[in-house]
Amino acid sequence: MEDLGGPVPTMRRASADKAHYVFLPLFGEPQGMESLQALDRALDDQAGGSCRLPPVSGLAFISASGEVGEMLDAWWEEALPADCRPVLLALHEPGLESWVHGLDVELLVGTRRQAEADLYAGRANVRAAVAPDAEAVTRLAMETFPSCFRSPEPAPVPAPTLAPPVPAPVAVAGPALADPVPTSLLAVAEAAEPPSSSGRRSLIDRAIRRRNPTVTSVVPDELIRLALSHHPGRIVSITSRAGGVGKTAIAASLGIVYGEALRASDWCAAVVDQNIGNPDQWGRLQLSADVRTVFEIMGDIAAGREWSVPAWGRTPALAVYPERRDQGEGYAPGQIERFAEQLRRLHALSVIDLPNRLPDRTSAEAAVCAGWLAVTDLLLLPLTDDPTRLRGVLEYLDSDPVKGDPARGLRPLPVIVPYIRSPLRTVNSHPRVVAMLEEIKQRVLAVVEIPKNDRATLAMVQGTPITDVDAELRDASIELALAVGRALAKPA
């Protein structure tokens, strides 16, 4: 884009009888300033438009809270006329599409491919088009609001294949996850930010309420603090020796609770389905069939392409990665390592739902377990009072990837056991069950009881989060999340 030079353009006030559009390019530098200068040069002085460069770019401008949010609110009140009609110019970021509904602004979004533009379909205040860089989105603004500009120089929007390479996108706004967690993010645990009656904060508050109007977070302050302290992003895997222990439901519930703890910040959690023999997070979280699968994302990583993060609408700060229904071949350790590296950068916590296999190389499912345990920070091994399941946990604890092997450079893996206790006293008090459970308790960080409750099945039938169908189940999910957060907070 042409370097126009000169001072930063100042606001031009609209005449009383014309709508005052204010164009706000949300691009990083130097593209933001270049866009601002190009817009200002093309503005029609008689049309009553203006442009300003926000101090924060991208999704961070919309989602910022705490000290950064207060700063942006003050900037908004000072820089924009009270009666203006803001127009935000942005490039697509994973998760941006879930924030735009209900914003009292116009939004122009540039994407690299049509599939990303389709994410914004049906949003009356949004125009998304294949416009892969800041220059293309700037031209899009001039074409969309021709009455504000003097005959912009026509230029076709570049095709995605001609777009210059861009860094891999981040799924959360704000500072890169390689930096320490900003202190301002921890402010969400101190007190809720009171909404303003106007300006940036009010339009974002309304958007948040419209995104999920019925959900009120009941997670404790301790969990919010723990969730915000994970740096870099942590990986928690969940597996078992055999099925029937509620593994997938527990993985989904942990992800939902962590997502709620993170929703007021610029971070998010993730649930990754790697149960390649029987992937069923589709059913647990009611995902649409067009969400990209882990298999597809692995292909993107191998080809050096960027990959989008699918957000689950019912929990805004939760990304869900389902697996392909017919994926049974598994992945090489190097593929898993690269995927895990991206997950750490994108998410505060990633919960990996693994197959019901011991970690070894005897099958594709067992190899997937071994590959993920090599990059896992904490392992969850759910069990019931069934002696077979109890013995399975002990076998898992005896496996080399869990107990560690200094000669092979394997460190011991910390373990938490979610325990679905039978309501029958004759079962849970049986001497054999008690003895085996006591042995397990001596070898793990914690055992967290999860009530055996048929409402968990009801949640699947109704397509409702397991944390929403029963207070007892929800409390247990929160206790498990707290145990996970405490374990991850301990020095390695």
Protein backbone atom coordinates (compact mmCIF):
# COMPACT_ATOMS: atom_id res chain seq x y z
CA MET A 1 0.00 0.00 0.00
CA GLU A 2 1.24 3.46 -0.87
CA ASP A 3 3.04 5.29 1.92
CA LEU A 4 1.26 8.63 2.02
CA GLY A 5 3.42 10.14 4.76
CA GLY A 6 2.38 13.18 6.78
CA PRO A 7 0.84 13.44 10.23
CA VAL A 8 -1.78 11.06 11.56
CA PRO A 9 -5.15 12.17 10.13
CA THR A 10 -7.42 14.00 12.55
CA MET A 11 -11.16 13.51 13.01
CA ARG A 12 -13.44 15.32 10.60
CA ARG A 13 -16.80 16.22 12.08
CA ALA A 14 -19.91 15.29 10.13
CA SER A 15 -22.53 17.79 9.24
CA ALA A 16 -25.72 17.59 11.29
CA ASP A 17 -27.81 16.21 8.46
CA LYS A 18 -25.50 13.36 7.45
CA ALA A 19 -24.57 10.08 9.09
CA HIS A 20 -21.05 10.25 10.44
CA TYR A 21 -19.23 7.03 9.60
CA VAL A 22 -15.96 6.49 11.48
CA PHE A 23 -13.70 3.86 9.92
CA LEU A 24 -11.49 1.96 12.38
CA PRO A 25 -8.82 -0.33 10.85
CA LEU A 26 -8.03 -3.13 13.29
CA PHE A 27 -4.80 -4.25 11.64
CA GLY A 28 -1.40 -4.63 13.23
CA GLU A 29 1.39 -2.25 12.33
CA PRO A 30 2.44 -1.08 9.83
CA GLN A 31 -0.70 -2.19 7.97
CA GLY A 32 -3.00 -0.32 10.35
CA MET A 33 -1.36 3.05 9.72
CA GLU A 34 -1.16 2.39 5.97
CA SER A 35 -4.87 1.59 5.90
CA LEU A 36 -5.69 4.69 7.96
CA GLN A 37 -3.72 6.94 5.62
CA ALA A 38 -5.30 5.43 2.50
CA LEU A 39 -8.80 5.84 3.93
CA ASP A 40 -8.15 9.40 5.01
CA ARG A 41 -6.75 10.36 1.61
CA ALA A 42 -9.81 8.97 -0.19
CA LEU A 43 -12.46 10.38 2.18
CA ASP A 44 -14.88 12.86 0.66
CA ASP A 45 -14.72 16.02 2.77
CA GLN A 46 -18.40 16.71 2.08
CA ALA A 47 -19.62 13.24 3.08
CA GLY A 48 -19.14 13.55 6.83
CA GLY A 49 -16.85 10.60 7.36
CA SER A 50 -13.63 10.17 9.32
CA CYS A 51 -11.18 7.51 10.42
CA ARG A 52 -9.19 6.69 13.53
CA LEU A 53 -6.53 4.14 14.38
CA PRO A 54 -7.40 2.18 17.55
CA PRO A 55 -4.58 1.55 20.03
CA VAL A 56 -5.28 -2.22 19.95
CA SER A 57 -5.75 -4.37 16.85
CA GLY A 58 -7.76 -7.42 15.88
CA LEU A 59 -10.08 -9.39 18.11
CA ALA A 60 -8.33 -7.88 21.15
CA PHE A 61 -10.11 -4.58 20.43
CA ILE A 62 -13.51 -6.26 20.74
CA SER A 63 -12.83 -8.72 23.55
CA ALA A 64 -10.44 -6.82 25.84
CA SER A 65 -11.44 -6.57 29.49
CA GLY A 66 -9.90 -5.38 32.75
CA GLU A 67 -7.32 -2.57 32.55
CA VAL A 68 -7.00 -2.84 28.76
CA GLY A 69 -10.77 -2.70 28.38
CA GLU A 70 -10.99 0.40 30.54
CA MET A 71 -8.28 2.08 28.48
CA LEU A 72 -10.12 1.29 25.24
CA ASP A 73 -13.40 2.57 26.68
CA ALA A 74 -11.74 5.89 27.52
CA TRP A 75 -10.17 6.06 24.07
CA TRP A 76 -13.54 5.38 22.42
CA GLU A 77 -15.30 8.11 24.39
CA GLU A 78 -12.60 10.65 23.51
CA ALA A 79 -11.99 9.73 19.87
CA LEU A 80 -15.46 9.03 18.48
CA PRO A 81 -18.44 11.39 18.27
CA ALA A 82 -21.39 10.21 20.31
CA ASP A 83 -23.68 10.02 17.26
CA CYS A 84 -21.23 8.31 14.89
CA ARG A 85 -21.68 5.00 13.09
CA PRO A 86 -18.47 2.98 13.63
CA VAL A 87 -17.16 0.72 10.85
CA LEU A 88 -14.53 -1.82 11.94
CA LEU A 89 -12.09 -3.20 9.35
CA ALA A 90 -10.55 -6.52 10.32
CA LEU A 91 -8.97 -9.70 9.06
CA HIS A 92 -10.53 -12.99 10.08
CA GLU A 93 -9.18 -14.57 13.25
CA PRO A 94 -10.37 -17.89 14.68
CA GLY A 95 -13.23 -17.10 17.03
CA LEU A 96 -14.00 -13.63 15.65
CA GLU A 97 -17.21 -14.90 14.07
CA SER A 98 -18.62 -15.77 17.51
CA TRP A 99 -18.17 -12.19 18.75
CA VAL A 100 -19.80 -10.21 15.98
CA HIS A 101 -23.49 -10.97 16.54
CA GLY A 102 -25.14 -8.09 18.34
CA LEU A 103 -22.30 -5.59 18.00
CA ASP A 104 -23.72 -2.12 17.37
CA VAL A 105 -21.20 -1.46 14.61
CA GLU A 106 -20.63 -2.28 10.97
CA LEU A 107 -17.89 -4.84 10.46
CA LEU A 108 -15.92 -5.57 7.28
CA VAL A 109 -13.98 -8.82 7.50
CA GLY A 110 -11.35 -9.99 5.05
CA THR A 111 -10.70 -13.74 4.77
CA ARG A 112 -8.23 -15.89 2.89
CA ARG A 113 -10.82 -18.37 1.65
CA GLN A 114 -14.55 -18.52 1.04
CA ALA A 115 -15.13 -21.08 3.79
CA GLU A 116 -13.99 -18.50 6.35
CA ALA A 117 -16.23 -15.82 4.84
CA ASP A 118 -19.17 -18.21 5.12
CA LEU A 119 -18.74 -18.24 8.91
CA TYR A 120 -20.27 -14.75 8.95
CA ALA A 121 -23.30 -15.59 6.80
CA GLY A 122 -26.59 -14.24 8.10
CA ARG A 123 -25.00 -11.46 10.19
CA ALA A 124 -26.78 -8.27 9.13
CA ASN A 125 -24.03 -5.98 10.45
CA VAL A 126 -21.16 -7.90 8.82
CA ARG A 127 -19.81 -8.07 5.31
CA ALA A 128 -17.19 -10.77 4.86
CA ALA A 129 -15.36 -11.35 1.61
CA VAL A 130 -12.25 -13.05 0.29
CA ALA A 131 -9.85 -10.19 0.93
CA PRO A 132 -6.67 -11.66 2.35
CA ASP A 133 -4.79 -8.58 3.53
CA ALA A 134 -5.27 -5.10 4.99
CA GLU A 135 -5.02 -3.42 1.60
CA ALA A 136 -7.81 -5.54 0.16
CA VAL A 137 -10.08 -4.87 3.17
CA THR A 138 -9.39 -1.15 2.86
CA ARG A 139 -10.53 -1.24 -0.76
CA LEU A 140 -13.56 -3.25 0.35
CA ALA A 141 -14.48 -0.43 2.76
CA MET A 142 -14.33 2.12 -0.06
CA GLU A 143 -16.52 -0.07 -2.25
CA THR A 144 -19.02 -0.79 0.53
CA PHE A 145 -19.43 2.88 1.51
CA PRO A 146 -18.99 4.72 -1.82
CA SER A 147 -20.80 7.83 -0.58
CA CYS A 148 -17.98 8.45 1.92
CA PHE A 149 -15.10 8.31 -0.54
CA ARG A 150 -13.95 10.04 -3.68
CA SER A 151 -14.01 7.51 -6.55
CA PRO A 152 -11.57 4.94 -5.18
CA GLU A 153 -9.09 3.58 -7.63
CA PRO A 154 -10.62 0.28 -8.79
CA ALA A 155 -8.64 -2.83 -8.07
CA PRO A 156 -9.73 -6.44 -7.95
CA VAL A 157 -9.61 -8.20 -4.61
CA PRO A 158 -6.63 -10.54 -4.74
CA ALA A 159 -7.42 -14.24 -4.92
CA PRO A 160 -6.47 -16.35 -1.88
CA THR A 161 -3.80 -18.13 -3.89
CA LEU A 162 -2.03 -14.82 -4.50
CA ALA A 163 -2.05 -13.80 -0.85
CA PRO A 164 1.34 -13.43 0.80
CA PRO A 165 2.06 -15.93 3.54
CA VAL A 166 0.90 -14.85 6.98
CA PRO A 167 1.86 -16.12 10.41
CA ALA A 168 -0.25 -18.90 11.90
CA PRO A 169 -3.29 -17.28 13.51
CA VAL A 170 -3.88 -17.18 17.24
CA ALA A 171 -7.27 -18.22 18.55
CA VAL A 172 -7.34 -15.73 21.36
CA ALA A 173 -6.90 -12.01 21.41
CA GLY A 174 -4.33 -9.98 23.28
CA PRO A 175 -0.63 -10.63 23.79
CA ALA A 176 0.99 -13.68 22.23
CA LEU A 177 0.76 -16.68 24.51
CA ALA A 178 4.54 -16.89 24.63
CA ASP A 179 4.50 -13.84 26.91
CA PRO A 180 3.59 -13.96 30.62
CA VAL A 181 -0.09 -13.74 31.43
CA PRO A 182 -0.89 -10.03 31.84
CA THR A 183 -1.75 -9.03 35.38
CA SER A 184 -4.84 -7.27 34.07
CA LEU A 185 -6.34 -10.61 33.08
CA LEU A 186 -6.32 -11.68 36.71
CA ALA A 187 -8.55 -8.73 37.55
CA VAL A 188 -11.56 -10.74 36.41
CA ALA A 189 -11.20 -12.77 39.59
CA GLU A 190 -11.39 -9.66 41.77
CA ALA A 191 -14.63 -8.06 40.61
CA ALA A 192 -16.89 -7.83 37.61
CA GLU A 193 -16.33 -4.80 35.44
CA PRO A 194 -19.37 -2.49 35.63
CA PRO A 195 -20.73 -1.81 32.13
CA SER A 196 -20.85 1.72 30.80
CA SER A 197 -24.02 3.17 29.39
CA SER A 198 -22.43 3.90 26.02
CA GLY A 199 -19.32 3.41 23.94
CA ARG A 200 -17.15 0.37 23.20
CA ARG A 201 -17.93 -1.43 26.46
CA SER A 202 -21.69 -1.25 26.08
CA LEU A 203 -21.69 -2.59 22.54
CA ILE A 204 -19.46 -5.48 23.61
CA ASP A 205 -21.51 -6.18 26.74
CA ARG A 206 -24.60 -6.49 24.56
CA ALA A 207 -22.77 -8.82 22.21
CA ILE A 208 -21.70 -11.07 25.08
CA ARG A 209 -25.25 -11.25 26.43
CA ARG A 210 -26.63 -12.09 23.00
CA ARG A 211 -24.01 -14.77 22.45
CA ASN A 212 -25.14 -16.66 25.53
CA PRO A 213 -27.98 -14.83 27.30
CA THR A 214 -28.96 -17.60 29.73
CA VAL A 215 -25.58 -18.66 31.10
CA THR A 216 -24.24 -17.18 34.31
CA SER A 217 -20.86 -18.38 35.40
CA VAL A 218 -20.71 -20.00 38.84
CA VAL A 219 -17.10 -21.09 38.74
CA PRO A 220 -15.16 -20.08 41.86
CA ASP A 221 -12.56 -17.32 41.86
CA GLU A 222 -9.82 -19.85 42.60
CA LEU A 223 -10.54 -21.69 39.34
CA ILE A 224 -10.50 -18.43 37.38
CA ARG A 225 -7.09 -17.59 38.85
CA LEU A 226 -5.75 -21.08 38.15
CA ALA A 227 -7.11 -21.11 34.60
CA LEU A 228 -5.44 -17.77 33.86
CA SER A 229 -2.12 -18.92 35.31
CA HIS A 230 -1.42 -21.69 32.80
CA HIS A 231 1.63 -20.48 30.91
CA PRO A 232 2.42 -21.76 28.46
CA GLY A 233 -0.76 -23.58 27.47
CA ARG A 234 -1.10 -26.94 29.19
CA ILE A 235 -2.23 -30.32 27.85
CA VAL A 236 -4.35 -32.73 29.89
CA SER A 237 -5.02 -36.18 28.45
CA ILE A 238 -7.80 -38.50 29.56
CA THR A 239 -7.82 -42.22 28.88
CA SER A 240 -8.51 -45.62 30.44
CA ARG A 241 -7.70 -49.30 30.08
CA ALA A 242 -11.29 -50.14 29.11
CA GLY A 243 -14.50 -48.36 28.24
CA GLY A 244 -17.55 -47.65 30.36
CA VAL A 245 -15.93 -45.18 32.77
CA GLY A 246 -17.44 -41.93 31.49
CA LYS A 247 -14.18 -40.78 29.89
CA THR A 248 -15.63 -38.73 27.05
CA ALA A 249 -18.31 -37.08 29.22
CA ILE A 250 -15.66 -36.11 31.78
CA ALA A 251 -13.43 -34.64 29.04
CA ALA A 252 -16.33 -32.56 27.71
CA SER A 253 -17.33 -31.37 31.19
CA LEU A 254 -13.77 -30.34 32.08
CA GLY A 255 -13.52 -28.36 28.87
CA ILE A 256 -16.85 -26.62 29.48
CA VAL A 257 -15.98 -25.63 33.05
CA TYR A 258 -12.55 -24.33 32.02
CA GLY A 259 -14.15 -22.41 29.18
CA GLU A 260 -16.51 -20.73 31.63
CA ALA A 261 -13.58 -19.84 33.87
CA LEU A 262 -11.78 -18.22 30.93
CA ARG A 263 -14.73 -16.50 29.25
CA ALA A 264 -14.07 -13.06 30.76
CA SER A 265 -10.45 -13.10 29.58
CA ASP A 266 -8.69 -13.23 26.22
CA TRP A 267 -7.95 -16.95 26.57
CA CYS A 268 -9.87 -20.10 25.75
CA ALA A 269 -9.82 -23.84 26.46
CA ALA A 270 -10.10 -26.72 24.00
CA VAL A 271 -11.41 -30.27 23.80
CA VAL A 272 -9.62 -32.46 21.23
CA ASP A 273 -11.16 -35.79 20.21
CA GLN A 274 -8.40 -38.32 19.61
CA ASN A 275 -10.46 -41.40 20.35
CA ILE A 276 -9.78 -42.47 16.78
CA GLY A 277 -11.57 -45.83 17.11
CA ASN A 278 -14.82 -44.29 18.32
CA PRO A 279 -14.85 -40.47 18.08
CA ASP A 280 -17.99 -39.24 19.83
CA GLN A 281 -17.35 -35.66 20.97
CA TRP A 282 -19.62 -34.86 18.02
CA GLY A 283 -22.56 -36.14 20.07
CA ARG A 284 -21.38 -34.82 23.43
CA LEU A 285 -21.12 -31.23 22.24
CA GLN A 286 -23.64 -31.25 19.38
CA LEU A 287 -21.18 -30.08 16.74
CA SER A 288 -22.15 -29.31 13.18
CA ALA A 289 -20.89 -31.62 10.46
CA ASP A 290 -18.90 -28.87 8.72
CA VAL A 291 -16.44 -28.33 11.60
CA ARG A 292 -12.90 -29.18 10.53
CA THR A 293 -11.57 -32.38 12.04
CA VAL A 294 -8.23 -33.17 13.63
CA PHE A 295 -7.40 -35.26 10.55
CA GLU A 296 -7.91 -32.23 8.30
CA ILE A 297 -5.95 -29.92 10.62
CA MET A 298 -3.07 -32.40 10.73
CA GLY A 299 -3.01 -32.16 6.94
CA ASP A 300 -2.96 -28.35 7.14
CA ILE A 301 0.00 -28.45 9.53
CA ALA A 302 1.91 -30.85 7.29
CA ALA A 303 1.30 -28.59 4.28
CA GLY A 304 2.26 -25.41 6.16
CA ARG A 305 -1.25 -23.97 5.91
CA GLU A 306 -2.99 -21.96 8.62
CA TRP A 307 -5.82 -23.68 10.41
CA SER A 308 -8.99 -22.32 11.95
CA VAL A 309 -10.11 -22.96 15.51
CA PRO A 310 -13.75 -24.10 15.72
CA ALA A 311 -15.52 -22.48 18.68
CA TRP A 312 -18.51 -24.10 20.32
CA GLY A 313 -21.20 -21.44 20.65
CA ARG A 314 -22.67 -22.52 23.99
CA THR A 315 -19.38 -21.93 25.76
CA PRO A 316 -17.69 -18.97 24.03
CA ALA A 317 -14.22 -19.65 25.43
CA LEU A 318 -14.16 -23.31 24.38
CA ALA A 319 -12.78 -24.60 21.08
CA VAL A 320 -13.68 -28.12 19.97
CA TYR A 321 -11.63 -30.28 17.63
CA PRO A 322 -13.64 -33.35 16.57
CA GLU A 323 -12.12 -36.35 14.83
CA ARG A 324 -13.13 -37.82 11.50
CA ARG A 325 -15.60 -40.67 11.89
CA ASP A 326 -13.57 -43.08 9.80
CA GLN A 327 -10.13 -42.14 11.08
CA GLY A 328 -8.50 -45.32 12.32
CA GLU A 329 -4.91 -45.06 11.09
CA GLY A 330 -3.63 -42.79 13.85
CA TYR A 331 -0.79 -40.28 13.68
CA ALA A 332 2.99 -40.35 13.84
CA PRO A 333 4.67 -38.95 16.99
CA GLY A 334 6.02 -35.99 15.02
CA GLN A 335 2.52 -35.05 13.84
CA ILE A 336 1.24 -35.14 17.42
CA GLU A 337 4.16 -33.05 18.65
CA ARG A 338 3.51 -30.32 16.06
CA PHE A 339 -0.20 -30.30 16.81
CA ALA A 340 0.48 -30.13 20.55
CA GLU A 341 2.86 -27.21 20.04
CA GLN A 342 0.10 -25.28 18.27
CA LEU A 343 -2.44 -26.15 20.95
CA ARG A 344 -0.14 -24.79 23.66
CA ARG A 345 0.15 -21.54 21.78
CA LEU A 346 -3.57 -21.21 21.11
CA HIS A 347 -5.22 -22.43 24.32
CA ALA A 348 -4.72 -22.06 28.06
CA LEU A 349 -5.80 -25.69 28.51
CA SER A 350 -6.34 -28.47 25.96
CA VAL A 351 -8.18 -31.63 27.04
CA ILE A 352 -7.30 -34.64 24.85
CA ASP A 353 -9.87 -37.45 24.75
CA LEU A 354 -7.79 -40.57 24.01
CA PRO A 355 -8.68 -44.18 23.08
CA ASN A 356 -9.22 -46.87 25.73
CA ARG A 357 -5.80 -48.43 25.28
CA LEU A 358 -2.53 -48.84 27.12
CA PRO A 359 0.21 -46.66 25.58
CA ASP A 360 2.39 -48.78 23.31
CA ARG A 361 2.96 -49.52 19.61
CA THR A 362 0.74 -52.59 19.25
CA SER A 363 -2.05 -50.76 17.40
CA ALA A 364 -2.90 -47.37 15.91
CA GLU A 365 -5.01 -46.48 18.97
CA ALA A 366 -2.31 -47.54 21.42
CA ALA A 367 0.28 -45.56 19.45
CA VAL A 368 -1.92 -42.44 19.56
CA CYS A 369 -2.08 -42.83 23.35
CA ALA A 370 1.71 -43.17 23.56
CA GLY A 371 2.24 -40.17 21.27
CA TRP A 372 -0.02 -37.88 23.29
CA LEU A 373 1.30 -39.00 26.69
CA ALA A 374 4.77 -37.92 25.52
CA VAL A 375 3.52 -34.30 25.30
CA THR A 376 1.01 -34.40 28.18
CA ASP A 377 1.36 -32.36 31.37
CA LEU A 378 -1.30 -34.20 33.40
CA LEU A 379 -3.16 -37.49 32.91
CA LEU A 380 -6.73 -38.29 33.98
CA LEU A 381 -7.63 -41.96 34.48
CA PRO A 382 -11.36 -42.26 35.27
CA LEU A 383 -12.66 -45.42 36.95
CA THR A 384 -15.69 -47.07 38.50
CA ASP A 385 -16.04 -49.61 41.35
CA ASP A 386 -15.73 -52.44 38.86
CA PRO A 387 -12.60 -54.41 39.87
CA THR A 388 -11.71 -54.74 36.18
CA ARG A 389 -11.64 -50.94 35.85
CA LEU A 390 -9.69 -50.59 39.08
CA ARG A 391 -7.12 -53.10 37.85
CA GLY A 392 -6.97 -51.22 34.54
CA VAL A 393 -5.95 -48.01 36.32
CA LEU A 394 -3.19 -49.85 38.18
CA GLU A 395 -1.95 -51.29 34.87
CA TYR A 396 -1.89 -47.81 33.37
CA LEU A 397 0.05 -46.48 36.36
CA ASP A 398 2.61 -49.25 35.77
CA SER A 399 3.13 -48.36 32.09
CA ASP A 400 6.46 -46.73 31.24
CA PRO A 401 5.01 -43.49 29.79
CA VAL A 402 3.22 -42.90 33.12
CA LYS A 403 5.59 -44.18 35.80
CA GLY A 404 8.59 -42.84 33.88
CA ASP A 405 11.87 -44.42 32.88
CA PRO A 406 14.99 -42.31 33.55
CA ALA A 407 17.11 -44.56 31.34
CA ARG A 408 14.90 -43.67 28.37
CA GLY A 409 14.42 -40.04 29.36
CA LEU A 410 10.77 -40.55 30.38
CA ARG A 411 9.64 -38.38 33.29
CA PRO A 412 6.88 -39.59 35.65
CA LEU A 413 3.47 -38.27 34.60
CA PRO A 414 1.22 -36.81 37.33
CA VAL A 415 -2.21 -38.46 37.47
CA ILE A 416 -5.67 -37.52 38.76
CA VAL A 417 -8.43 -40.12 38.99
CA PRO A 418 -12.08 -39.11 38.46
CA TYR A 419 -13.97 -41.79 40.42
CA ILE A 420 -17.56 -42.62 39.49
CA ARG A 421 -18.62 -44.21 42.74
CA SER A 422 -21.47 -46.71 42.81
CA PRO A 423 -24.43 -45.66 45.03
CA LEU A 424 -24.66 -49.27 46.27
CA ARG A 425 -22.85 -49.66 49.57
CA THR A 426 -22.40 -53.39 49.00
CA VAL A 427 -20.31 -52.46 45.95
CA ASN A 428 -18.33 -49.40 47.03
CA SER A 429 -17.56 -50.88 50.48
CA HIS A 430 -16.48 -54.30 49.24
CA PRO A 431 -13.03 -55.10 50.73
CA ARG A 432 -11.53 -55.83 47.32
CA VAL A 433 -12.75 -52.50 45.92
CA VAL A 434 -11.61 -50.58 49.00
CA ALA A 435 -8.14 -52.18 48.93
CA MET A 436 -7.54 -51.48 45.24
CA LEU A 437 -8.87 -47.93 45.52
CA GLU A 438 -6.56 -47.25 48.47
CA GLU A 439 -3.58 -48.50 46.46
CA ILE A 440 -4.53 -46.13 43.62
CA LYS A 441 -4.87 -43.20 46.03
CA GLN A 442 -1.33 -43.76 47.23
CA ARG A 443 0.02 -43.45 43.68
CA VAL A 444 -1.85 -40.45 42.25
CA LEU A 445 -2.20 -36.76 43.03
CA ALA A 446 -5.92 -36.88 43.78
CA VAL A 447 -9.09 -38.94 43.46
CA VAL A 448 -12.16 -36.81 42.70
CA GLU A 449 -15.59 -38.36 43.11
CA ILE A 450 -18.04 -37.99 40.23
CA PRO A 451 -21.62 -39.01 41.09
CA LYS A 452 -23.14 -41.88 39.13
CA ASN A 453 -26.15 -40.08 37.68
CA ASP A 454 -28.48 -41.02 34.84
CA ARG A 455 -28.85 -37.33 34.02
CA ALA A 456 -25.50 -37.61 32.26
CA THR A 457 -27.26 -39.85 29.72
CA LEU A 458 -30.17 -37.40 29.60
CA ALA A 459 -27.71 -34.67 28.65
CA MET A 460 -26.65 -36.68 25.61
CA VAL A 461 -30.25 -37.34 24.56
CA GLN A 462 -31.22 -33.67 24.89
CA GLY A 463 -28.01 -32.28 23.41
CA THR A 464 -27.38 -30.37 26.65
CA PRO A 465 -24.00 -29.85 28.35
CA ILE A 466 -23.60 -32.36 31.17
CA THR A 467 -22.77 -29.44 33.48
CA ASP A 468 -26.23 -27.92 32.87
CA VAL A 469 -28.48 -30.89 33.67
CA ASP A 470 -27.71 -31.48 37.34
CA ALA A 471 -26.23 -29.36 40.14
CA GLU A 472 -24.42 -32.33 41.67
CA LEU A 473 -22.75 -33.20 38.38
CA ARG A 474 -21.81 -29.57 37.85
CA ASP A 475 -20.28 -29.26 41.33
CA ALA A 476 -18.28 -32.43 40.75
CA SER A 477 -17.05 -31.09 37.39
CA ILE A 478 -15.92 -27.89 39.11
CA GLU A 479 -14.09 -29.88 41.80
CA LEU A 480 -12.32 -31.88 39.12
CA ALA A 481 -11.35 -28.68 37.30
CA LEU A 482 -9.98 -27.26 40.56
CA ALA A 483 -7.90 -30.41 41.12
CA VAL A 484 -6.56 -30.13 37.58
CA GLY A 485 -5.73 -26.44 38.01
CA ARG A 486 -3.96 -27.04 41.33
CA ALA A 487 -1.93 -29.88 39.85
CA LEU A 488 -0.85 -27.80 36.86
CA ALA A 489 0.10 -24.91 39.14
CA LYS A 490 2.67 -27.04 40.95
CA PRO A 491 6.30 -26.70 39.82
CA ALA A 492 7.39 -29.48 37.50
